[in-house]
Amino acid sequence: MIDVYLPGTGGMIPQKERWLSCCWVEHQGKAILIDCGEGTQIALKESGCKISHLNTILFTHFHADHIAGLPGLLLTLGNHGKKTPLTLIGPSGLKGIFNALTVIAPVIPYPIEIIELKGDKNVFKIDGSELMYASLTHSIPCYGYSIIWKRKPIFNPQKADKLGVPKKFFRILHTGMAVKLDDGRIIDPQSVLDGVRNPIKLCYCTDTSSNDSMINLAKDADLFVCEGMHGERDMQKKFEGKGHMLFHESAYIAKKACVKELWLTHYSPALRNPDDYVESAREIFPYTNAAHDGMHTKL
């Protein structure tokens, strides 16, 4: 099971009723945070996220509402006794941004690893999952992320029992490795499996105009978290060229990408009640939700 939280859903500035957009993803006690604007450590606490589980922070881009909260979070982690390494991942230039921000947080009592992403649509391993990223369309370099967890195939204990396989070998066979029994027989894992499970996929895109790379990145995602800066369609001309999306644009991406569910986030401070506009997005993609701070699901 993967726990997904949206501790904050706002854009530009934190507000009394809405923290800045971020996403917390936790699997088997290891957590990934996407973006870290002002006050993120408070938003995490209010959502019930255990910051001691944090291993990795992904940054979509380097505007203040997505990274200015980093020094405070780093100090909070230290005050909570963190000693294990923390990995920071983001666009090229992350090392320089980190050095500038940590002038006000000079003592960090745990190792920091910084990975600067280059190119586009690359894949690498992170905390037992696969991380994919693709360039978005914003005023500065910005990435969208997909995190994919591959699952073990379906194990059939009845098949194993019929073959006389002792239970001590079940776990090994389930991982895809053959075993040799005491009588000399080699048991192939395929003889005790009932097929593969589809991977679990989360996609997160914010601060972007609509583009085809988002469709490819979000393809078949179990959950697509996407920017919805405003809900009114008649604001589309106003937003042209500004690197942001309206609710209906996000819904079209979700529909084309064949995702299972869409959560809208990164609302403008002027958007007081996102639920007032969500029906227009549902007309395009029925499985759309206007997310709120603290929203949580299990994948």
Protein backbone atom coordinates (compact mmCIF):
# COMPACT_ATOMS: atom_id res chain seq x y z
CA MET A 1 0.00 0.00 0.00
CA ILE A 2 1.18 3.52 -0.83
CA ASP A 3 -0.05 6.43 1.28
CA VAL A 4 -0.53 9.69 -0.61
CA TYR A 5 -1.24 12.99 1.18
CA LEU A 6 -1.68 16.52 -0.10
CA PRO A 7 -0.70 18.56 2.98
CA GLY A 8 -1.09 21.76 0.96
CA THR A 9 -3.04 22.71 -2.17
CA GLY A 10 -2.38 26.43 -2.60
CA GLY A 11 -0.29 28.42 -5.03
CA MET A 12 1.79 31.59 -4.71
CA ILE A 13 1.36 32.34 -0.98
CA PRO A 14 0.34 30.35 2.11
CA GLN A 15 -3.03 31.29 3.54
CA LYS A 16 -4.83 30.70 6.81
CA GLU A 17 -7.04 28.04 5.26
CA ARG A 18 -4.63 26.68 2.66
CA TRP A 19 -0.94 25.75 2.76
CA LEU A 20 1.23 25.77 -0.33
CA SER A 21 1.08 22.79 -2.68
CA CYS A 22 3.09 19.72 -1.80
CA CYS A 23 2.64 15.96 -1.97
CA TRP A 24 3.73 13.31 0.55
CA VAL A 25 4.14 9.73 -0.70
CA GLU A 26 5.02 6.93 1.72
CA HIS A 27 5.69 3.24 1.12
CA GLN A 28 7.01 0.75 3.68
CA GLY A 29 8.15 3.48 6.07
CA LYS A 30 10.05 5.52 3.46
CA ALA A 31 8.61 8.84 2.35
CA ILE A 32 9.06 11.12 -0.64
CA LEU A 33 8.00 14.78 -0.49
CA ILE A 34 7.27 16.71 -3.69
CA ASP A 35 7.94 20.46 -3.29
CA CYS A 36 8.52 22.43 -0.12
CA GLY A 37 7.10 25.95 0.05
CA GLU A 38 6.84 28.18 3.11
CA GLY A 39 5.44 26.42 6.16
CA THR A 40 5.56 22.93 4.68
CA GLN A 41 6.75 21.39 7.95
CA ILE A 42 3.56 22.69 9.63
CA ALA A 43 1.37 21.38 6.81
CA LEU A 44 3.01 17.96 7.13
CA LYS A 45 2.36 17.89 10.86
CA GLU A 46 -1.29 18.89 10.43
CA SER A 47 -1.77 16.10 7.87
CA GLY A 48 -0.28 13.48 10.20
CA CYS A 49 2.82 12.81 8.10
CA LYS A 50 5.75 11.39 10.09
CA ILE A 51 8.69 13.51 8.99
CA SER A 52 11.11 11.01 10.53
CA HIS A 53 10.22 8.78 7.53
CA LEU A 54 11.35 11.38 4.98
CA ASN A 55 14.13 10.13 2.70
CA THR A 56 13.75 12.18 -0.48
CA ILE A 57 12.49 15.59 -1.61
CA LEU A 58 11.63 16.22 -5.26
CA PHE A 59 11.42 19.79 -6.55
CA THR A 60 9.34 20.61 -9.60
CA HIS A 61 11.05 24.00 -10.02
CA PHE A 62 12.64 26.85 -8.09
CA HIS A 63 9.89 29.40 -7.55
CA ALA A 64 9.56 30.40 -3.91
CA ASP A 65 6.20 28.74 -3.30
CA HIS A 66 7.81 25.39 -4.16
CA ILE A 67 11.19 25.58 -2.42
CA ALA A 68 11.39 28.51 0.04
CA GLY A 69 10.35 26.25 2.94
CA LEU A 70 13.41 24.02 2.57
CA PRO A 71 15.64 25.62 5.27
CA GLY A 72 12.88 25.38 7.86
CA LEU A 73 12.13 21.76 7.03
CA LEU A 74 15.83 20.83 7.15
CA LEU A 75 16.14 22.38 10.62
CA THR A 76 12.94 20.69 11.78
CA LEU A 77 14.27 17.31 10.65
CA GLY A 78 17.47 17.95 12.60
CA ASN A 79 15.52 18.95 15.70
CA HIS A 80 13.63 15.64 15.42
CA GLY A 81 16.91 13.74 15.58
CA LYS A 82 17.37 12.79 11.94
CA LYS A 83 20.77 11.19 11.26
CA THR A 84 20.09 9.23 8.06
CA PRO A 85 20.80 10.73 4.62
CA LEU A 86 18.32 12.99 2.83
CA THR A 87 18.29 13.10 -0.98
CA LEU A 88 17.25 16.26 -2.83
CA ILE A 89 16.29 15.93 -6.51
CA GLY A 90 15.37 18.70 -8.94
CA PRO A 91 16.24 20.61 -12.11
CA SER A 92 19.75 21.75 -12.94
CA GLY A 93 20.87 24.46 -10.52
CA LEU A 94 19.61 22.73 -7.37
CA LYS A 95 23.06 22.73 -5.74
CA GLY A 96 23.35 26.49 -6.05
CA ILE A 97 19.82 27.04 -4.73
CA PHE A 98 20.54 24.71 -1.80
CA ASN A 99 23.75 26.54 -0.91
CA ALA A 100 21.99 29.91 -1.00
CA LEU A 101 19.00 28.82 1.09
CA THR A 102 21.07 27.03 3.75
CA VAL A 103 23.00 30.18 4.62
CA ILE A 104 20.25 30.54 7.25
CA ALA A 105 20.45 26.85 8.19
CA PRO A 106 24.21 26.27 8.41
CA VAL A 107 24.15 23.26 10.76
CA ILE A 108 22.46 20.17 9.28
CA PRO A 109 23.28 17.07 11.37
CA TYR A 110 22.71 14.49 8.62
CA PRO A 111 24.15 13.86 5.14
CA ILE A 112 22.59 15.58 2.13
CA GLU A 113 22.80 14.13 -1.38
CA ILE A 114 21.84 16.40 -4.28
CA ILE A 115 20.84 15.08 -7.70
CA GLU A 116 20.37 17.54 -10.57
CA LEU A 117 18.19 16.23 -13.37
CA LYS A 118 19.21 16.73 -16.95
CA GLY A 119 17.47 16.02 -20.23
CA ASP A 120 13.98 14.68 -20.35
CA LYS A 121 11.92 11.54 -19.82
CA ASN A 122 14.60 9.68 -17.92
CA VAL A 123 14.01 6.94 -15.37
CA PHE A 124 15.96 5.98 -12.26
CA LYS A 125 15.47 4.08 -9.02
CA ILE A 126 14.40 5.79 -5.81
CA ASP A 127 13.45 4.12 -2.50
CA GLY A 128 12.35 0.87 -4.14
CA SER A 129 10.39 2.61 -6.89
CA GLU A 130 11.03 4.02 -10.35
CA LEU A 131 11.04 7.78 -10.87
CA MET A 132 10.16 9.19 -14.29
CA TYR A 133 10.30 12.87 -15.12
CA ALA A 134 9.45 15.09 -18.05
CA SER A 135 9.79 18.79 -18.81
CA LEU A 136 6.70 20.94 -18.34
CA THR A 137 5.87 24.34 -19.84
CA HIS A 138 6.54 27.11 -17.34
CA SER A 139 8.47 30.38 -17.12
CA ILE A 140 11.53 28.55 -15.76
CA PRO A 141 12.67 24.90 -16.08
CA CYS A 142 10.06 22.71 -14.42
CA TYR A 143 9.56 18.96 -14.18
CA GLY A 144 6.57 16.73 -13.71
CA TYR A 145 7.11 13.42 -11.93
CA SER A 146 5.71 9.91 -12.04
CA ILE A 147 6.55 7.40 -9.34
CA ILE A 148 6.00 3.74 -10.21
CA TRP A 149 6.01 0.79 -7.82
CA LYS A 150 6.34 -2.63 -9.43
CA ARG A 151 4.46 -5.37 -7.59
CA LYS A 152 5.26 -9.01 -7.07
CA PRO A 153 3.30 -11.51 -9.20
CA ILE A 154 0.38 -13.43 -7.71
CA PHE A 155 1.62 -16.42 -5.71
CA ASN A 156 -0.56 -19.55 -5.60
CA PRO A 157 0.16 -21.62 -2.47
CA GLN A 158 -2.12 -24.42 -3.70
CA LYS A 159 0.12 -24.95 -6.72
CA ALA A 160 3.18 -24.98 -4.46
CA ASP A 161 1.55 -27.56 -2.13
CA LYS A 162 0.70 -29.86 -5.05
CA LEU A 163 4.35 -29.79 -6.09
CA GLY A 164 5.43 -30.61 -2.52
CA VAL A 165 7.25 -27.31 -2.02
CA PRO A 166 8.02 -26.61 1.68
CA LYS A 167 6.68 -23.27 2.95
CA LYS A 168 10.22 -22.05 3.66
CA PHE A 169 10.67 -21.67 -0.12
CA PHE A 170 7.46 -19.73 -0.77
CA ARG A 171 9.01 -16.28 -0.28
CA ILE A 172 11.95 -17.10 -2.56
CA LEU A 173 9.68 -18.34 -5.34
CA HIS A 174 7.46 -15.26 -4.95
CA THR A 175 10.46 -13.02 -5.65
CA GLY A 176 10.97 -14.80 -8.98
CA MET A 177 13.86 -17.09 -8.05
CA ALA A 178 13.95 -20.86 -8.66
CA VAL A 179 14.59 -23.23 -5.75
CA LYS A 180 16.14 -26.69 -5.45
CA LEU A 181 14.27 -29.14 -3.23
CA ASP A 182 15.90 -31.81 -1.05
CA ASP A 183 14.93 -34.48 -3.61
CA GLY A 184 16.90 -32.64 -6.28
CA ARG A 185 13.98 -31.16 -8.20
CA ILE A 186 14.27 -27.58 -9.46
CA ILE A 187 11.05 -25.61 -9.03
CA ASP A 188 10.65 -22.74 -11.45
CA PRO A 189 8.74 -19.74 -10.04
CA GLN A 190 6.36 -19.70 -13.02
CA SER A 191 4.99 -23.07 -11.90
CA VAL A 192 3.58 -21.55 -8.68
CA LEU A 193 2.51 -18.10 -9.91
CA ASP A 194 -0.85 -16.94 -11.30
CA GLY A 195 0.23 -13.98 -13.40
CA VAL A 196 1.55 -10.48 -12.88
CA ARG A 197 0.02 -7.49 -11.11
CA ASN A 198 -0.08 -4.11 -12.76
CA PRO A 199 2.32 -1.59 -11.21
CA ILE A 200 1.02 1.28 -9.08
CA LYS A 201 1.62 4.73 -10.54
CA LEU A 202 1.32 8.26 -9.17
CA CYS A 203 1.84 11.31 -11.40
CA TYR A 204 2.32 14.88 -10.14
CA CYS A 205 2.37 17.93 -12.43
CA THR A 206 2.03 21.55 -11.43
CA ASP A 207 2.96 25.02 -12.69
CA THR A 208 2.61 24.29 -16.39
CA SER A 209 0.58 24.98 -19.48
CA SER A 210 -1.03 21.97 -21.08
CA ASN A 211 1.38 19.91 -23.20
CA ASP A 212 1.66 16.42 -24.68
CA SER A 213 4.54 15.40 -22.41
CA MET A 214 2.07 15.40 -19.50
CA ILE A 215 -0.12 12.87 -21.31
CA ASN A 216 2.79 10.49 -21.77
CA LEU A 217 4.03 11.00 -18.21
CA ALA A 218 0.61 10.43 -16.63
CA LYS A 219 -0.40 7.52 -18.92
CA ASP A 220 -2.49 4.94 -16.99
CA ALA A 221 -1.69 6.50 -13.60
CA ASP A 222 -3.71 5.30 -10.62
CA LEU A 223 -3.70 8.89 -9.34
CA PHE A 224 -2.91 12.05 -11.29
CA VAL A 225 -2.33 15.15 -9.15
CA CYS A 226 -2.43 18.15 -11.46
CA GLU A 227 -2.58 21.91 -11.27
CA GLY A 228 -5.90 23.69 -11.48
CA MET A 229 -5.07 27.33 -10.89
CA HIS A 230 -8.62 28.52 -11.64
CA GLY A 231 -11.95 26.90 -12.41
CA GLU A 232 -13.56 29.42 -14.77
CA ARG A 233 -13.18 28.59 -18.47
CA ASP A 234 -13.51 32.23 -19.52
CA MET A 235 -10.14 32.94 -17.85
CA GLN A 236 -8.28 30.90 -20.47
CA LYS A 237 -7.12 33.89 -22.52
CA LYS A 238 -5.84 35.58 -19.39
CA PHE A 239 -3.71 32.53 -18.60
CA GLU A 240 -2.22 32.00 -22.06
CA GLY A 241 1.58 31.96 -21.88
CA LYS A 242 1.70 32.13 -18.07
CA GLY A 243 2.54 28.49 -17.47
CA HIS A 244 -0.58 27.55 -15.54
CA MET A 245 -3.73 25.50 -16.17
CA LEU A 246 -7.46 25.74 -15.57
CA PHE A 247 -9.63 22.91 -14.25
CA HIS A 248 -10.98 21.84 -17.65
CA GLU A 249 -7.47 21.68 -19.16
CA SER A 250 -6.31 19.32 -16.43
CA ALA A 251 -9.42 17.20 -16.98
CA TYR A 252 -8.62 16.87 -20.70
CA ILE A 253 -5.09 15.69 -19.85
CA ALA A 254 -6.50 13.14 -17.40
CA LYS A 255 -8.95 11.86 -20.01
CA LYS A 256 -6.31 11.54 -22.75
CA ALA A 257 -3.87 9.86 -20.36
CA CYS A 258 -6.52 7.30 -19.25
CA VAL A 259 -5.77 7.84 -15.56
CA LYS A 260 -8.01 6.36 -12.88
CA GLU A 261 -8.46 9.50 -10.77
CA LEU A 262 -7.59 13.22 -10.96
CA TRP A 263 -6.90 15.49 -7.98
CA LEU A 264 -6.76 19.21 -8.74
CA THR A 265 -4.34 21.34 -6.71
CA HIS A 266 -2.21 24.53 -6.71
CA TYR A 267 -5.17 26.90 -6.50
CA SER A 268 -4.85 30.63 -6.96
CA PRO A 269 -5.33 32.65 -3.74
CA ALA A 270 -8.29 34.25 -5.53
CA LEU A 271 -10.01 30.86 -5.87
CA ARG A 272 -11.87 30.58 -2.60
CA ASN A 273 -14.13 27.57 -3.25
CA PRO A 274 -12.70 25.08 -5.79
CA ASP A 275 -15.73 22.80 -5.34
CA ASP A 276 -17.88 25.45 -7.03
CA TYR A 277 -16.15 24.69 -10.35
CA VAL A 278 -15.29 21.00 -10.18
CA GLU A 279 -18.46 19.86 -12.00
CA SER A 280 -17.28 21.52 -15.22
CA ALA A 281 -14.14 19.38 -15.05
CA ARG A 282 -16.17 16.25 -14.27
CA GLU A 283 -18.14 16.76 -17.48
CA ILE A 284 -14.83 16.05 -19.25
CA PHE A 285 -13.33 13.54 -16.82
CA PRO A 286 -15.86 12.14 -14.29
CA TYR A 287 -13.25 10.98 -11.76
CA THR A 288 -12.10 14.49 -10.88
CA ASN A 289 -11.78 15.82 -7.33
CA ALA A 290 -10.99 19.32 -6.13
CA ALA A 291 -8.36 18.43 -3.54
CA HIS A 292 -8.16 20.06 -0.12
CA ASP A 293 -5.39 20.36 2.42
CA GLY A 294 -4.78 17.05 4.17
CA MET A 295 -6.47 14.94 1.49
CA HIS A 296 -5.30 11.31 1.78
CA THR A 297 -5.69 8.06 -0.08
CA LYS A 298 -4.08 4.64 -0.27
CA LEU A 299 -3.01 3.18 -3.59
